[in-house]
Amino acid sequence: MPHIVIDEARCKGCGLCTIACPKKLVALSDSPNSMGFTVAVFSDASQCTGCTLCAEMCPDVAITVFK
């Protein structure tokens, strides 16, 4: 089953991945990380198609897609 892993240390909360995901499975968290950024979080692995659009849009290379 495809899923993504978001590296919270690299994510700066730009939100581009949330726009790119066709299934809207990526959202920004409600609480900031240790650096003060509201990082992206992945919600439902069972719905992920592994399209890699979220990873392609991420300017900080914080998302890894596993197929």
PDB file of N, CA and C in Angstrom:
ATOM      1  N   MET A   1       0.837  -1.173   0.000  1.00  0.00           N
ATOM      2  CA  MET A   1       0.000   0.000   0.000  1.00  0.00           C
ATOM      3  C   MET A   1       0.893   1.251   0.000  1.00  0.00           C
ATOM      4  N   PRO A   2       0.662   2.179  -0.905  1.00  0.00           N
ATOM      5  CA  PRO A   2       1.472   3.404  -0.943  1.00  0.00           C
ATOM      6  C   PRO A   2       1.227   4.271   0.284  1.00  0.00           C
ATOM      7  N   HIS A   3       2.278   4.958   0.700  1.00  0.00           N
ATOM      8  CA  HIS A   3       2.152   5.929   1.782  1.00  0.00           C
ATOM      9  C   HIS A   3       3.296   6.925   1.678  1.00  0.00           C
ATOM     10  N   ILE A   4       3.186   8.011   2.402  1.00  0.00           N
ATOM     11  CA  ILE A   4       4.248   9.006   2.397  1.00  0.00           C
ATOM     12  C   ILE A   4       4.779   9.198   3.811  1.00  0.00           C
ATOM     13  N   VAL A   5       6.034   9.653   3.875  1.00  0.00           N
ATOM     14  CA  VAL A   5       6.652   9.999   5.154  1.00  0.00           C
ATOM     15  C   VAL A   5       7.122  11.438   5.033  1.00  0.00           C
ATOM     16  N   ILE A   6       6.752  12.255   5.999  1.00  0.00           N
ATOM     17  CA  ILE A   6       7.122  13.667   5.994  1.00  0.00           C
ATOM     18  C   ILE A   6       8.184  13.894   7.058  1.00  0.00           C
ATOM     19  N   ASP A   7       9.324  14.426   6.641  1.00  0.00           N
ATOM     20  CA  ASP A   7      10.422  14.740   7.550  1.00  0.00           C
ATOM     21  C   ASP A   7      10.120  16.090   8.205  1.00  0.00           C
ATOM     22  N   GLU A   8       9.668  16.062   9.448  1.00  0.00           N
ATOM     23  CA  GLU A   8       9.270  17.285  10.135  1.00  0.00           C
ATOM     24  C   GLU A   8      10.419  18.260  10.324  1.00  0.00           C
ATOM     25  N   ALA A   9      11.637  17.771  10.369  1.00  0.00           N
ATOM     26  CA  ALA A   9      12.784  18.660  10.534  1.00  0.00           C
ATOM     27  C   ALA A   9      13.039  19.480   9.271  1.00  0.00           C
ATOM     28  N   ARG A  10      12.630  18.977   8.127  1.00  0.00           N
ATOM     29  CA  ARG A  10      12.839  19.686   6.861  1.00  0.00           C
ATOM     30  C   ARG A  10      11.636  20.535   6.444  1.00  0.00           C
ATOM     31  N   CYS A  11      10.444  20.150   6.880  1.00  0.00           N
ATOM     32  CA  CYS A  11       9.209  20.816   6.464  1.00  0.00           C
ATOM     33  C   CYS A  11       9.111  22.213   7.075  1.00  0.00           C
ATOM     34  N   LYS A  12       8.794  23.186   6.230  1.00  0.00           N
ATOM     35  CA  LYS A  12       8.639  24.560   6.696  1.00  0.00           C
ATOM     36  C   LYS A  12       7.194  25.035   6.615  1.00  0.00           C
ATOM     37  N   GLY A  13       6.268  24.122   6.336  1.00  0.00           N
ATOM     38  CA  GLY A  13       4.850  24.438   6.368  1.00  0.00           C
ATOM     39  C   GLY A  13       4.367  25.346   5.254  1.00  0.00           C
ATOM     40  N   CYS A  14       4.957  25.239   4.071  1.00  0.00           N
ATOM     41  CA  CYS A  14       4.550  26.113   2.956  1.00  0.00           C
ATOM     42  C   CYS A  14       3.156  25.765   2.438  1.00  0.00           C
ATOM     43  N   GLY A  15       2.737  24.489   2.581  1.00  0.00           N
ATOM     44  CA  GLY A  15       1.406  24.072   2.171  1.00  0.00           C
ATOM     45  C   GLY A  15       1.271  23.664   0.721  1.00  0.00           C
ATOM     46  N   LEU A  16       2.342  23.678  -0.047  1.00  0.00           N
ATOM     47  CA  LEU A  16       2.250  23.285  -1.457  1.00  0.00           C
ATOM     48  C   LEU A  16       1.809  21.835  -1.615  1.00  0.00           C
ATOM     49  N   CYS A  17       2.229  20.982  -0.710  1.00  0.00           N
ATOM     50  CA  CYS A  17       1.840  19.569  -0.780  1.00  0.00           C
ATOM     51  C   CYS A  17       0.348  19.402  -0.546  1.00  0.00           C
ATOM     52  N   THR A  18      -0.239  20.247   0.272  1.00  0.00           N
ATOM     53  CA  THR A  18      -1.676  20.144   0.543  1.00  0.00           C
ATOM     54  C   THR A  18      -2.486  20.492  -0.698  1.00  0.00           C
ATOM     55  N   ILE A  19      -1.969  21.391  -1.504  1.00  0.00           N
ATOM     56  CA  ILE A  19      -2.631  21.772  -2.752  1.00  0.00           C
ATOM     57  C   ILE A  19      -2.445  20.681  -3.808  1.00  0.00           C
ATOM     58  N   ALA A  20      -1.273  20.057  -3.826  1.00  0.00           N
ATOM     59  CA  ALA A  20      -0.931  19.087  -4.863  1.00  0.00           C
ATOM     60  C   ALA A  20      -1.656  17.753  -4.717  1.00  0.00           C
ATOM     61  N   CYS A  21      -1.961  17.353  -3.502  1.00  0.00           N
ATOM     62  CA  CYS A  21      -2.569  16.032  -3.281  1.00  0.00           C
ATOM     63  C   CYS A  21      -3.991  15.988  -3.840  1.00  0.00           C
ATOM     64  N   PRO A  22      -4.231  15.142  -4.848  1.00  0.00           N
ATOM     65  CA  PRO A  22      -5.566  15.078  -5.453  1.00  0.00           C
ATOM     66  C   PRO A  22      -6.622  14.496  -4.506  1.00  0.00           C
ATOM     67  N   LYS A  23      -6.203  13.719  -3.525  1.00  0.00           N
ATOM     68  CA  LYS A  23      -7.133  13.105  -2.570  1.00  0.00           C
ATOM     69  C   LYS A  23      -7.250  13.908  -1.276  1.00  0.00           C
ATOM     70  N   LYS A  24      -6.491  15.003  -1.175  1.00  0.00           N
ATOM     71  CA  LYS A  24      -6.493  15.864   0.030  1.00  0.00           C
ATOM     72  C   LYS A  24      -6.122  15.082   1.288  1.00  0.00           C
ATOM     73  N   LEU A  25      -5.070  14.259   1.171  1.00  0.00           N
ATOM     74  CA  LEU A  25      -4.617  13.448   2.293  1.00  0.00           C
ATOM     75  C   LEU A  25      -3.525  14.121   3.105  1.00  0.00           C
ATOM     76  N   VAL A  26      -3.028  15.250   2.634  1.00  0.00           N
ATOM     77  CA  VAL A  26      -1.984  15.982   3.338  1.00  0.00           C
ATOM     78  C   VAL A  26      -2.571  17.310   3.797  1.00  0.00           C
ATOM     79  N   ALA A  27      -2.337  17.636   5.061  1.00  0.00           N
ATOM     80  CA  ALA A  27      -2.830  18.886   5.631  1.00  0.00           C
ATOM     81  C   ALA A  27      -1.746  19.465   6.528  1.00  0.00           C
ATOM     82  N   LEU A  28      -1.898  20.711   6.899  1.00  0.00           N
ATOM     83  CA  LEU A  28      -0.963  21.326   7.838  1.00  0.00           C
ATOM     84  C   LEU A  28      -1.442  21.043   9.251  1.00  0.00           C
ATOM     85  N   SER A  29      -0.504  20.743  10.131  1.00  0.00           N
ATOM     86  CA  SER A  29      -0.853  20.403  11.510  1.00  0.00           C
ATOM     87  C   SER A  29      -1.377  21.625  12.255  1.00  0.00           C
ATOM     88  N   ASP A  30      -2.017  21.370  13.365  1.00  0.00           N
ATOM     89  CA  ASP A  30      -2.544  22.449  14.203  1.00  0.00           C
ATOM     90  C   ASP A  30      -1.483  23.026  15.133  1.00  0.00           C
ATOM     91  N   SER A  31      -0.469  22.212  15.442  1.00  0.00           N
ATOM     92  CA  SER A  31       0.563  22.671  16.372  1.00  0.00           C
ATOM     93  C   SER A  31       1.919  22.765  15.668  1.00  0.00           C
ATOM     94  N   PRO A  32       2.729  23.737  16.035  1.00  0.00           N
ATOM     95  CA  PRO A  32       4.041  23.916  15.396  1.00  0.00           C
ATOM     96  C   PRO A  32       5.066  22.872  15.861  1.00  0.00           C
ATOM     97  N   ASN A  33       6.074  22.658  15.005  1.00  0.00           N
ATOM     98  CA  ASN A  33       7.171  21.766  15.385  1.00  0.00           C
ATOM     99  C   ASN A  33       8.168  22.527  16.257  1.00  0.00           C
ATOM    100  N   SER A  34       9.309  21.948  16.544  1.00  0.00           N
ATOM    101  CA  SER A  34      10.301  22.565  17.432  1.00  0.00           C
ATOM    102  C   SER A  34      10.885  23.854  16.864  1.00  0.00           C
ATOM    103  N   MET A  35      10.772  24.036  15.540  1.00  0.00           N
ATOM    104  CA  MET A  35      11.302  25.254  14.927  1.00  0.00           C
ATOM    105  C   MET A  35      10.210  26.303  14.710  1.00  0.00           C
ATOM    106  N   GLY A  36       8.982  25.994  15.108  1.00  0.00           N
ATOM    107  CA  GLY A  36       7.897  26.950  15.011  1.00  0.00           C
ATOM    108  C   GLY A  36       7.076  26.887  13.742  1.00  0.00           C
ATOM    109  N   PHE A  37       7.315  25.890  12.895  1.00  0.00           N
ATOM    110  CA  PHE A  37       6.567  25.738  11.651  1.00  0.00           C
ATOM    111  C   PHE A  37       5.396  24.780  11.854  1.00  0.00           C
ATOM    112  N   THR A  38       4.260  25.082  11.239  1.00  0.00           N
ATOM    113  CA  THR A  38       3.147  24.133  11.248  1.00  0.00           C
ATOM    114  C   THR A  38       3.377  23.179  10.081  1.00  0.00           C
ATOM    115  N   VAL A  39       3.888  22.027  10.393  1.00  0.00           N
ATOM    116  CA  VAL A  39       4.335  21.073   9.380  1.00  0.00           C
ATOM    117  C   VAL A  39       3.169  20.311   8.761  1.00  0.00           C
ATOM    118  N   ALA A  40       3.436  19.691   7.635  1.00  0.00           N
ATOM    119  CA  ALA A  40       2.449  18.870   6.947  1.00  0.00           C
ATOM    120  C   ALA A  40       2.306  17.527   7.659  1.00  0.00           C
ATOM    121  N   VAL A  41       1.090  17.014   7.639  1.00  0.00           N
ATOM    122  CA  VAL A  41       0.811  15.696   8.210  1.00  0.00           C
ATOM    123  C   VAL A  41       0.010  14.884   7.196  1.00  0.00           C
ATOM    124  N   PHE A  42       0.228  13.590   7.203  1.00  0.00           N
ATOM    125  CA  PHE A  42      -0.419  12.655   6.283  1.00  0.00           C
ATOM    126  C   PHE A  42      -1.563  11.986   7.028  1.00  0.00           C
ATOM    127  N   SER A  43      -2.745  11.906   6.405  1.00  0.00           N
ATOM    128  CA  SER A  43      -3.910  11.466   7.159  1.00  0.00           C
ATOM    129  C   SER A  43      -4.374  10.027   6.922  1.00  0.00           C
ATOM    130  N   ASP A  44      -4.389   9.527   5.695  1.00  0.00           N
ATOM    131  CA  ASP A  44      -5.039   8.234   5.453  1.00  0.00           C
ATOM    132  C   ASP A  44      -4.288   7.419   4.405  1.00  0.00           C
ATOM    133  N   ALA A  45      -3.452   6.520   4.863  1.00  0.00           N
ATOM    134  CA  ALA A  45      -2.639   5.711   3.951  1.00  0.00           C
ATOM    135  C   ALA A  45      -3.486   4.811   3.054  1.00  0.00           C
ATOM    136  N   SER A  46      -4.661   4.425   3.500  1.00  0.00           N
ATOM    137  CA  SER A  46      -5.491   3.523   2.699  1.00  0.00           C
ATOM    138  C   SER A  46      -6.022   4.201   1.435  1.00  0.00           C
ATOM    139  N   GLN A  47      -6.056   5.523   1.400  1.00  0.00           N
ATOM    140  CA  GLN A  47      -6.551   6.255   0.241  1.00  0.00           C
ATOM    141  C   GLN A  47      -5.437   6.739  -0.689  1.00  0.00           C
ATOM    142  N   CYS A  48      -4.179   6.656  -0.258  1.00  0.00           N
ATOM    143  CA  CYS A  48      -3.040   7.162  -1.039  1.00  0.00           C
ATOM    144  C   CYS A  48      -2.794   6.298  -2.276  1.00  0.00           C
ATOM    145  N   THR A  49      -2.627   6.949  -3.426  1.00  0.00           N
ATOM    146  CA  THR A  49      -2.358   6.229  -4.672  1.00  0.00           C
ATOM    147  C   THR A  49      -0.870   6.180  -5.004  1.00  0.00           C
ATOM    148  N   GLY A  50      -0.042   6.907  -4.258  1.00  0.00           N
ATOM    149  CA  GLY A  50       1.389   6.936  -4.533  1.00  0.00           C
ATOM    150  C   GLY A  50       1.739   7.766  -5.747  1.00  0.00           C
ATOM    151  N   CYS A  51       0.940   8.775  -6.057  1.00  0.00           N
ATOM    152  CA  CYS A  51       1.132   9.569  -7.279  1.00  0.00           C
ATOM    153  C   CYS A  51       2.392  10.442  -7.238  1.00  0.00           C
ATOM    154  N   THR A  52       2.929  10.706  -6.088  1.00  0.00           N
ATOM    155  CA  THR A  52       4.146  11.495  -5.840  1.00  0.00           C
ATOM    156  C   THR A  52       3.995  12.994  -6.096  1.00  0.00           C
ATOM    157  N   LEU A  53       2.801  13.479  -6.344  1.00  0.00           N
ATOM    158  CA  LEU A  53       2.623  14.915  -6.581  1.00  0.00           C
ATOM    159  C   LEU A  53       3.031  15.741  -5.364  1.00  0.00           C
ATOM    160  N   CYS A  54       2.750  15.252  -4.162  1.00  0.00           N
ATOM    161  CA  CYS A  54       3.120  15.989  -2.955  1.00  0.00           C
ATOM    162  C   CYS A  54       4.638  16.141  -2.857  1.00  0.00           C
ATOM    163  N   ALA A  55       5.364  15.060  -3.131  1.00  0.00           N
ATOM    164  CA  ALA A  55       6.820  15.094  -3.062  1.00  0.00           C
ATOM    165  C   ALA A  55       7.423  15.972  -4.155  1.00  0.00           C
ATOM    166  N   GLU A  56       6.818  15.941  -5.333  1.00  0.00           N
ATOM    167  CA  GLU A  56       7.319  16.768  -6.435  1.00  0.00           C
ATOM    168  C   GLU A  56       7.144  18.254  -6.144  1.00  0.00           C
ATOM    169  N   MET A  57       6.095  18.622  -5.446  1.00  0.00           N
ATOM    170  CA  MET A  57       5.827  20.024  -5.143  1.00  0.00           C
ATOM    171  C   MET A  57       6.636  20.553  -3.957  1.00  0.00           C
ATOM    172  N   CYS A  58       7.139  19.671  -3.118  1.00  0.00           N
ATOM    173  CA  CYS A  58       7.826  20.090  -1.891  1.00  0.00           C
ATOM    174  C   CYS A  58       9.181  20.725  -2.202  1.00  0.00           C
ATOM    175  N   PRO A  59       9.326  22.039  -1.933  1.00  0.00           N
ATOM    176  CA  PRO A  59      10.595  22.714  -2.220  1.00  0.00           C
ATOM    177  C   PRO A  59      11.707  22.341  -1.241  1.00  0.00           C
ATOM    178  N   ASP A  60      11.340  21.734  -0.114  1.00  0.00           N
ATOM    179  CA  ASP A  60      12.335  21.376   0.907  1.00  0.00           C
ATOM    180  C   ASP A  60      12.697  19.902   0.903  1.00  0.00           C
ATOM    181  N   VAL A  61      12.188  19.148  -0.068  1.00  0.00           N
ATOM    182  CA  VAL A  61      12.435  17.710  -0.194  1.00  0.00           C
ATOM    183  C   VAL A  61      12.172  17.001   1.150  1.00  0.00           C
ATOM    184  N   ALA A  62      11.036  17.331   1.736  1.00  0.00           N
ATOM    185  CA  ALA A  62      10.684  16.785   3.042  1.00  0.00           C
ATOM    186  C   ALA A  62       9.764  15.579   2.951  1.00  0.00           C
ATOM    187  N   ILE A  63       9.334  15.209   1.735  1.00  0.00           N
ATOM    188  CA  ILE A  63       8.369  14.124   1.584  1.00  0.00           C
ATOM    189  C   ILE A  63       8.973  12.977   0.782  1.00  0.00           C
ATOM    190  N   THR A  64       8.835  11.776   1.331  1.00  0.00           N
ATOM    191  CA  THR A  64       9.261  10.558   0.647  1.00  0.00           C
ATOM    192  C   THR A  64       8.027   9.713   0.402  1.00  0.00           C
ATOM    193  N   VAL A  65       7.870   9.234  -0.836  1.00  0.00           N
ATOM    194  CA  VAL A  65       6.712   8.418  -1.186  1.00  0.00           C
ATOM    195  C   VAL A  65       7.164   6.970  -1.314  1.00  0.00           C
ATOM    196  N   PHE A  66       6.457   6.077  -0.645  1.00  0.00           N
ATOM    197  CA  PHE A  66       6.720   4.650  -0.732  1.00  0.00           C
ATOM    198  C   PHE A  66       5.555   4.005  -1.463  1.00  0.00           C
ATOM    199  N   LYS A  67       5.879   3.231  -2.508  1.00  0.00           N
ATOM    200  CA  LYS A  67       4.820   2.585  -3.303  1.00  0.00           C
ATOM    201  C   LYS A  67       4.685   1.125  -2.963  1.00  0.00           C
TER     202      LYS A  67
END
